[in-house]
Amino acid sequence: MISTSLLAAGFNLENQSWLLIVFAIALLVGIFMLIVFFSFVRLWIQCLLTGAKIGILDLVGMKLRNVDYQMIVRQKIALVQAGVMIRTEDLESHYLARGNVPKTATAVIAAHKAGMDLPWKTAAAIDLAGRDILDAVRTSVNPKVIDCPDPGKGRPFLDAVCRNGIQLRCKARVTVRTKLERLVGGATEETIIARVGEGIVKAIGSADDHKQVLANPNLISQTVLHNSLDSQTSFEIVSIDIADIEVGENIGAKLATDQAAADLRVAQAEAEKRRAAAVAREQEMSALVQENRAKVVLAEAEIPLAISSAFKDGRIGVMDYYNLRNLQADTNMRSSIGGLSGDGQGGPSNRVG
């Protein structure tokens, strides 16, 4: 009897241990179910009531993938309520790619409400490219005004010169609308500003008279708009309006004055060059004269030597020498008389030594 009682007591203790284990497991399962209930069931009910079609297993999977499932559910509900059907996997993949899911979803909803076709893949690509997709949609719905030139670059006006040489300074305002299909890979606002500025300068430069431009500034706008300046850009030019235009300097007259001054300096340089050449030539001729005079002196110095040689050789006699001296004296006298009558002064003008 004692052994039977001990066996019964041991059996009861073993049963109690199993009951405690089962109770603990049931308690843990209950706690887990409560956590799942409070964490996912509320969101699942919202999805069920709004038609978002996100199951509890999908919520658990997003939790395990470290995805902000609450935000995904809110954005999916907003998209469905707006009439945009997007897969939950697309929202998850954009979130995991470090994209801004709320801003992208808001942009898609805004485009859908405005009647524009903006697929989720296009919006996600624009967002991942670093562009503000929501601002792009707003600009597409509500056109944006761009100042040309950009005041932030330090130039308040565009300068251009008409054919008559008058400078015109103008400022334009360009109204643009975003092209969502070209937002990825299209040129930005800087390209629009540069192209419009180039077109304005070209239009003013083609005008024959600045008065025509002042009387009808619309000529500039029409000329610029016909050049398709918005090709390969992210924007569509709606209108170009000339905000301000004023007359600048007379660039043509200034350039003509500068050219005349330059021509004068060139002429002065050429004249100075010719004067220097004439002075050099005069110096050369003076040197040549002195050289010829030196030759004459040398030739005259050889005359006495020739006379002496003639005496020695017997080619001339004493009477011939005196006749030569008389001839020289007669020549000197005639030269003295000629000099007296020529200059009116009492001295000879030329003397033979």
Protein backbone atom coordinates (compact mmCIF):
# COMPACT_ATOMS: atom_id res chain seq x y z
CA MET A 1 0.00 0.00 0.00
CA ILE A 2 2.81 2.35 0.83
CA SER A 3 4.55 1.74 -2.52
CA THR A 4 1.31 2.27 -4.42
CA SER A 5 0.76 5.59 -2.65
CA LEU A 6 4.29 6.72 -3.52
CA LEU A 7 3.82 5.81 -7.15
CA ALA A 8 0.53 7.71 -7.26
CA ALA A 9 2.15 10.74 -5.65
CA GLY A 10 5.04 10.66 -8.19
CA PHE A 11 2.59 10.37 -11.06
CA ASN A 12 0.64 13.36 -9.79
CA LEU A 13 3.85 15.42 -9.49
CA GLU A 14 4.85 14.51 -13.04
CA ASN A 15 1.42 15.45 -14.33
CA GLN A 16 1.59 18.77 -12.56
CA SER A 17 5.00 19.51 -14.16
CA TRP A 18 3.63 18.80 -17.61
CA LEU A 19 0.64 20.95 -16.90
CA LEU A 20 2.92 23.81 -15.84
CA ILE A 21 4.95 23.46 -19.04
CA VAL A 22 1.83 23.40 -21.17
CA PHE A 23 0.45 26.39 -19.33
CA ALA A 24 3.69 28.31 -19.80
CA ILE A 25 3.71 27.52 -23.51
CA ALA A 26 0.09 28.53 -23.80
CA LEU A 27 0.85 31.74 -21.95
CA LEU A 28 3.72 32.57 -24.28
CA VAL A 29 1.58 31.82 -27.31
CA GLY A 30 -1.16 34.00 -25.88
CA ILE A 31 1.25 36.87 -25.25
CA PHE A 32 2.64 36.51 -28.79
CA MET A 33 -0.88 36.50 -30.20
CA LEU A 34 -1.70 39.61 -28.21
CA ILE A 35 1.41 41.30 -29.56
CA VAL A 36 0.53 40.24 -33.08
CA PHE A 37 -3.03 41.36 -32.52
CA PHE A 38 -2.16 44.80 -31.23
CA SER A 39 0.70 45.25 -33.73
CA PHE A 40 -0.74 43.95 -36.97
CA VAL A 41 -4.45 43.18 -36.63
CA ARG A 42 -5.42 46.83 -36.33
CA LEU A 43 -3.46 47.65 -39.50
CA TRP A 44 -4.83 44.56 -41.19
CA ILE A 45 -8.38 45.61 -40.38
CA GLN A 46 -7.68 49.07 -41.82
CA CYS A 47 -6.33 47.47 -44.99
CA LEU A 48 -9.33 45.17 -45.15
CA LEU A 49 -11.81 48.04 -44.77
CA THR A 50 -10.06 50.31 -47.28
CA GLY A 51 -9.27 47.67 -49.89
CA ALA A 52 -5.50 48.00 -49.57
CA LYS A 53 -5.13 44.22 -49.74
CA ILE A 54 -2.24 43.79 -47.29
CA GLY A 55 -2.41 40.57 -45.25
CA ILE A 56 -1.07 39.85 -41.79
CA LEU A 57 1.68 37.68 -43.21
CA ASP A 58 2.71 40.58 -45.44
CA LEU A 59 2.90 42.81 -42.36
CA VAL A 60 4.98 40.23 -40.49
CA GLY A 61 7.27 39.88 -43.50
CA MET A 62 7.79 43.63 -43.67
CA LYS A 63 8.58 43.63 -39.95
CA LEU A 64 11.18 40.94 -40.46
CA ARG A 65 12.66 42.79 -43.44
CA ASN A 66 13.04 45.88 -41.25
CA VAL A 67 10.55 47.87 -43.29
CA ASP A 68 8.44 50.62 -41.75
CA TYR A 69 5.23 48.70 -42.32
CA GLN A 70 3.02 51.30 -40.65
CA MET A 71 4.19 53.95 -43.09
CA ILE A 72 3.80 51.54 -46.01
CA VAL A 73 0.22 50.76 -44.93
CA ARG A 74 -0.66 54.45 -44.62
CA GLN A 75 0.73 55.26 -48.06
CA LYS A 76 -0.93 52.24 -49.66
CA ILE A 77 -4.29 53.22 -48.15
CA ALA A 78 -3.83 56.81 -49.40
CA LEU A 79 -3.01 55.59 -52.91
CA VAL A 80 -5.95 53.19 -53.01
CA GLN A 81 -8.35 55.81 -51.71
CA ALA A 82 -7.09 58.18 -54.43
CA GLY A 83 -7.79 55.58 -57.08
CA VAL A 84 -4.17 54.62 -57.80
CA MET A 85 -3.47 50.91 -57.74
CA ILE A 86 0.13 50.08 -56.83
CA ARG A 87 1.59 46.86 -55.58
CA THR A 88 2.84 46.68 -52.01
CA GLU A 89 6.11 45.18 -53.28
CA ASP A 90 6.79 48.37 -55.26
CA LEU A 91 6.39 50.48 -52.12
CA GLU A 92 8.68 48.15 -50.18
CA SER A 93 11.37 48.10 -52.87
CA HIS A 94 11.37 51.90 -53.06
CA TYR A 95 11.72 52.13 -49.29
CA LEU A 96 14.57 49.62 -49.24
CA ALA A 97 16.28 51.61 -52.04
CA ARG A 98 16.39 54.60 -49.65
CA GLY A 99 13.64 56.41 -51.51
CA ASN A 100 11.17 58.87 -50.04
CA VAL A 101 7.97 56.84 -50.17
CA PRO A 102 5.60 59.47 -48.67
CA LYS A 103 6.75 62.23 -51.03
CA THR A 104 6.65 59.91 -54.04
CA ALA A 105 3.18 58.67 -53.14
CA THR A 106 1.95 62.24 -52.64
CA ALA A 107 3.37 63.22 -56.05
CA VAL A 108 1.66 60.28 -57.76
CA ILE A 109 -1.65 61.14 -56.09
CA ALA A 110 -1.32 64.81 -57.06
CA ALA A 111 -0.53 63.91 -60.67
CA HIS A 112 -3.48 61.50 -60.79
CA LYS A 113 -5.83 64.13 -59.41
CA ALA A 114 -4.54 66.63 -61.98
CA GLY A 115 -5.22 64.19 -64.82
CA MET A 116 -1.56 63.51 -65.61
CA ASP A 117 -0.11 60.09 -66.28
CA LEU A 118 2.71 59.48 -63.77
CA PRO A 119 3.50 55.78 -63.29
CA TRP A 120 4.97 54.73 -59.97
CA LYS A 121 8.17 53.49 -61.61
CA THR A 122 8.76 56.86 -63.24
CA ALA A 123 8.09 58.72 -60.00
CA ALA A 124 10.37 56.37 -58.05
CA ALA A 125 13.15 56.78 -60.61
CA ILE A 126 12.86 60.58 -60.40
CA ASP A 127 12.97 60.45 -56.61
CA LEU A 128 15.99 58.13 -56.56
CA ALA A 129 17.75 60.42 -59.06
CA GLY A 130 17.73 63.16 -56.42
CA ARG A 131 15.06 65.35 -58.00
CA ASP A 132 12.17 66.72 -55.99
CA ILE A 133 9.32 64.77 -57.54
CA LEU A 134 6.63 66.58 -55.57
CA ASP A 135 7.96 69.99 -56.62
CA ALA A 136 8.13 68.75 -60.22
CA VAL A 137 4.47 67.75 -60.13
CA ARG A 138 3.51 71.06 -58.58
CA THR A 139 5.46 72.90 -61.27
CA SER A 140 3.74 70.81 -63.92
CA VAL A 141 0.34 71.70 -62.52
CA ASN A 142 1.21 75.29 -61.58
CA PRO A 143 3.80 76.70 -64.05
CA LYS A 144 6.94 78.27 -62.60
CA VAL A 145 8.42 81.68 -63.46
CA ILE A 146 12.19 81.90 -64.02
CA ASP A 147 14.08 85.19 -64.20
CA CYS A 148 16.52 85.58 -67.09
CA PRO A 149 19.24 86.39 -66.28
CA ASP A 150 19.37 84.84 -62.84
CA PRO A 151 19.65 87.69 -60.26
CA GLY A 152 21.56 85.36 -57.97
CA LYS A 153 24.46 85.27 -60.46
CA GLY A 154 25.10 89.02 -60.09
CA ARG A 155 23.79 90.17 -63.50
CA PRO A 156 20.47 92.03 -63.37
CA PHE A 157 20.27 92.63 -67.15
CA LEU A 158 21.20 91.03 -70.46
CA ASP A 159 23.34 93.25 -72.70
CA ALA A 160 22.93 93.13 -76.49
CA VAL A 161 23.79 95.50 -79.37
CA CYS A 162 21.57 96.28 -82.36
CA ARG A 163 22.97 96.68 -85.85
CA ASN A 164 23.01 100.46 -85.50
CA GLY A 165 25.45 100.13 -82.60
CA ILE A 166 23.04 101.01 -79.75
CA GLN A 167 23.20 98.80 -76.67
CA LEU A 168 19.96 97.51 -75.14
CA ARG A 169 19.72 96.07 -71.63
CA CYS A 170 16.73 93.86 -70.97
CA LYS A 171 15.36 91.39 -68.43
CA ALA A 172 12.93 88.58 -69.24
CA ARG A 173 10.68 86.25 -67.29
CA VAL A 174 10.25 82.72 -68.58
CA THR A 175 7.18 80.69 -67.59
CA VAL A 176 7.93 76.97 -67.67
CA ARG A 177 6.04 73.78 -66.95
CA THR A 178 7.72 70.54 -65.91
CA LYS A 179 7.81 67.62 -68.35
CA LEU A 180 7.57 64.59 -66.10
CA GLU A 181 8.58 62.17 -68.85
CA ARG A 182 11.85 64.11 -69.37
CA LEU A 183 12.63 64.86 -65.75
CA VAL A 184 15.22 62.08 -65.67
CA GLY A 185 18.06 62.95 -68.05
CA GLY A 186 16.65 66.32 -69.10
CA ALA A 187 18.47 69.61 -68.73
CA THR A 188 17.71 71.83 -65.74
CA GLU A 189 16.74 75.48 -65.23
CA GLU A 190 20.28 76.70 -65.88
CA THR A 191 20.06 75.42 -69.45
CA ILE A 192 16.73 77.17 -69.99
CA ILE A 193 18.18 80.45 -68.68
CA ALA A 194 21.27 80.13 -70.87
CA ARG A 195 19.29 79.31 -74.02
CA VAL A 196 16.77 82.10 -73.48
CA GLY A 197 19.59 84.58 -72.85
CA GLU A 198 21.32 83.49 -76.04
CA GLY A 199 18.07 83.81 -77.99
CA ILE A 200 17.41 87.33 -76.63
CA VAL A 201 20.92 88.50 -77.52
CA LYS A 202 20.51 87.04 -81.02
CA ALA A 203 17.09 88.64 -81.51
CA ILE A 204 18.34 92.09 -80.45
CA GLY A 205 21.48 91.73 -82.56
CA SER A 206 19.33 90.96 -85.63
CA ALA A 207 17.31 94.19 -85.25
CA ASP A 208 18.31 97.01 -87.62
CA ASP A 209 17.32 99.77 -85.21
CA HIS A 210 16.93 99.81 -81.45
CA LYS A 211 13.76 101.89 -81.81
CA GLN A 212 12.01 98.91 -83.39
CA VAL A 213 12.77 96.78 -80.34
CA LEU A 214 11.72 99.50 -77.92
CA ALA A 215 8.47 100.03 -79.81
CA ASN A 216 7.63 96.32 -79.94
CA PRO A 217 9.46 94.14 -77.37
CA ASN A 218 7.20 91.26 -78.42
CA LEU A 219 9.53 90.78 -81.40
CA ILE A 220 12.10 89.35 -79.01
CA SER A 221 9.63 86.95 -77.42
CA GLN A 222 8.34 85.67 -80.76
CA THR A 223 11.85 85.18 -82.14
CA VAL A 224 12.99 83.28 -79.06
CA LEU A 225 9.89 81.08 -78.83
CA HIS A 226 10.28 79.91 -82.43
CA ASN A 227 13.73 78.44 -81.72
CA SER A 228 12.50 75.42 -79.66
CA LEU A 229 14.72 76.29 -76.71
CA ASP A 230 13.08 73.69 -74.46
CA SER A 231 14.21 70.66 -76.46
CA GLN A 232 16.03 67.98 -74.43
CA THR A 233 15.16 69.78 -71.19
CA SER A 234 12.96 68.91 -68.24
CA PHE A 235 10.66 71.87 -68.92
CA GLU A 236 8.24 73.17 -71.48
CA ILE A 237 8.40 76.92 -72.13
CA VAL A 238 4.90 78.35 -71.83
CA SER A 239 5.76 82.01 -72.49
CA ILE A 240 8.63 84.49 -72.53
CA ASP A 241 7.82 88.00 -71.39
CA ILE A 242 10.14 91.01 -71.48
CA ALA A 243 9.92 92.48 -67.99
CA ASP A 244 12.22 95.49 -68.52
CA ILE A 245 14.22 97.01 -71.37
CA GLU A 246 16.34 100.16 -71.46
CA VAL A 247 18.87 101.86 -73.71
CA GLY A 248 22.54 101.53 -72.82
CA GLU A 249 25.65 102.99 -74.42
CA ASN A 250 26.38 103.76 -78.06
CA ILE A 251 28.71 100.83 -78.54
CA GLY A 252 29.08 101.46 -82.28
CA ALA A 253 30.34 105.00 -81.80
CA LYS A 254 32.65 103.90 -79.02
CA LEU A 255 34.11 101.16 -81.17
CA ALA A 256 34.52 103.59 -84.10
CA THR A 257 36.32 106.05 -81.81
CA ASP A 258 38.60 103.36 -80.52
CA GLN A 259 39.31 102.21 -84.09
CA ALA A 260 40.12 105.77 -85.16
CA ALA A 261 42.47 106.18 -82.22
CA ALA A 262 44.14 102.90 -83.12
CA ASP A 263 44.50 103.98 -86.77
CA LEU A 264 46.02 107.30 -85.62
CA ARG A 265 48.57 105.49 -83.51
CA VAL A 266 49.42 103.24 -86.45
CA ALA A 267 49.83 106.26 -88.77
CA GLN A 268 52.03 108.02 -86.22
CA ALA A 269 54.15 104.92 -85.91
CA GLU A 270 54.51 104.67 -89.69
CA ALA A 271 55.42 108.39 -89.93
CA GLU A 272 57.99 108.01 -87.18
CA LYS A 273 59.40 105.02 -89.01
CA ARG A 274 59.74 107.03 -92.25
CA ARG A 275 61.29 109.98 -90.37
CA ALA A 276 63.83 107.72 -88.74
CA ALA A 277 64.65 106.21 -92.13
CA ALA A 278 65.10 109.71 -93.64
CA VAL A 279 67.39 110.76 -90.79
CA ALA A 280 69.42 107.61 -91.22
CA ARG A 281 69.66 108.24 -94.97
CA GLU A 282 70.78 111.83 -94.35
CA GLN A 283 73.49 110.61 -92.03
CA GLU A 284 74.62 108.09 -94.62
CA MET A 285 74.82 110.80 -97.31
CA SER A 286 76.77 113.11 -94.98
CA ALA A 287 79.22 110.33 -94.30
CA LEU A 288 79.51 109.68 -98.06
CA VAL A 289 80.22 113.40 -98.69
CA GLN A 290 82.92 113.43 -96.05
CA GLU A 291 84.40 110.30 -97.59
CA ASN A 292 84.48 111.89 -101.07
CA ARG A 293 86.04 115.07 -99.65
CA ALA A 294 88.72 112.99 -98.04
CA LYS A 295 89.41 111.40 -101.44
CA VAL A 296 89.70 114.90 -103.03
CA VAL A 297 92.17 116.00 -100.35
CA LEU A 298 94.22 112.89 -100.95
CA ALA A 299 94.18 113.52 -104.69
CA GLU A 300 95.25 117.19 -104.21
CA ALA A 301 98.05 116.06 -101.92
CA GLU A 302 99.49 114.00 -104.78
CA ILE A 303 99.79 117.05 -107.13
CA PRO A 304 103.06 118.47 -105.61
CA LEU A 305 104.54 114.98 -105.71
CA ALA A 306 103.62 114.64 -109.36
CA ILE A 307 105.20 118.07 -110.20
CA SER A 308 108.36 117.13 -108.36
CA SER A 309 108.51 113.85 -110.20
CA ALA A 310 108.02 115.69 -113.52
CA PHE A 311 110.96 118.04 -112.67
CA LYS A 312 113.16 115.09 -111.94
CA ASP A 313 112.19 113.27 -115.09
CA GLY A 314 112.60 116.41 -117.23
CA ARG A 315 109.01 116.40 -118.52
CA ILE A 316 108.49 120.06 -117.52
CA GLY A 317 110.90 122.98 -117.17
CA VAL A 318 111.12 126.06 -115.01
CA MET A 319 109.17 128.18 -117.47
CA ASP A 320 106.40 125.64 -117.56
CA TYR A 321 106.21 125.72 -113.79
CA TYR A 322 106.03 129.54 -113.72
CA ASN A 323 103.35 129.51 -116.38
CA LEU A 324 101.39 127.08 -114.17
CA ARG A 325 101.82 129.40 -111.21
CA ASN A 326 100.66 132.39 -113.27
CA LEU A 327 97.64 130.38 -114.36
CA GLN A 328 96.86 129.55 -110.75
CA ALA A 329 97.24 133.20 -109.70
CA ASP A 330 94.97 134.30 -112.53
CA THR A 331 92.42 131.68 -111.48
CA ASN A 332 92.57 132.86 -107.85
CA MET A 333 92.10 136.47 -108.95
CA ARG A 334 89.09 135.58 -111.03
CA SER A 335 87.70 133.56 -108.13
CA SER A 336 88.22 136.53 -105.78
CA ILE A 337 86.44 138.88 -108.17
CA GLY A 338 83.62 136.42 -108.59
CA GLY A 339 83.28 136.03 -104.83
CA LEU A 340 83.27 139.80 -104.29
CA SER A 341 80.50 140.36 -106.82
CA GLY A 342 78.56 137.31 -105.64
CA ASP A 343 78.23 137.85 -101.88
CA GLY A 344 78.86 141.59 -101.67
CA GLN A 345 81.50 141.24 -98.97
CA GLY A 346 85.13 142.18 -99.28
CA GLY A 347 86.77 138.75 -99.09
CA PRO A 348 87.23 135.92 -101.54
CA SER A 349 84.75 133.12 -101.40
CA ASN A 350 87.16 130.44 -102.64
CA ARG A 351 90.92 130.08 -102.35
CA VAL A 352 93.26 127.53 -103.90
CA GLY A 353 96.17 126.56 -101.68
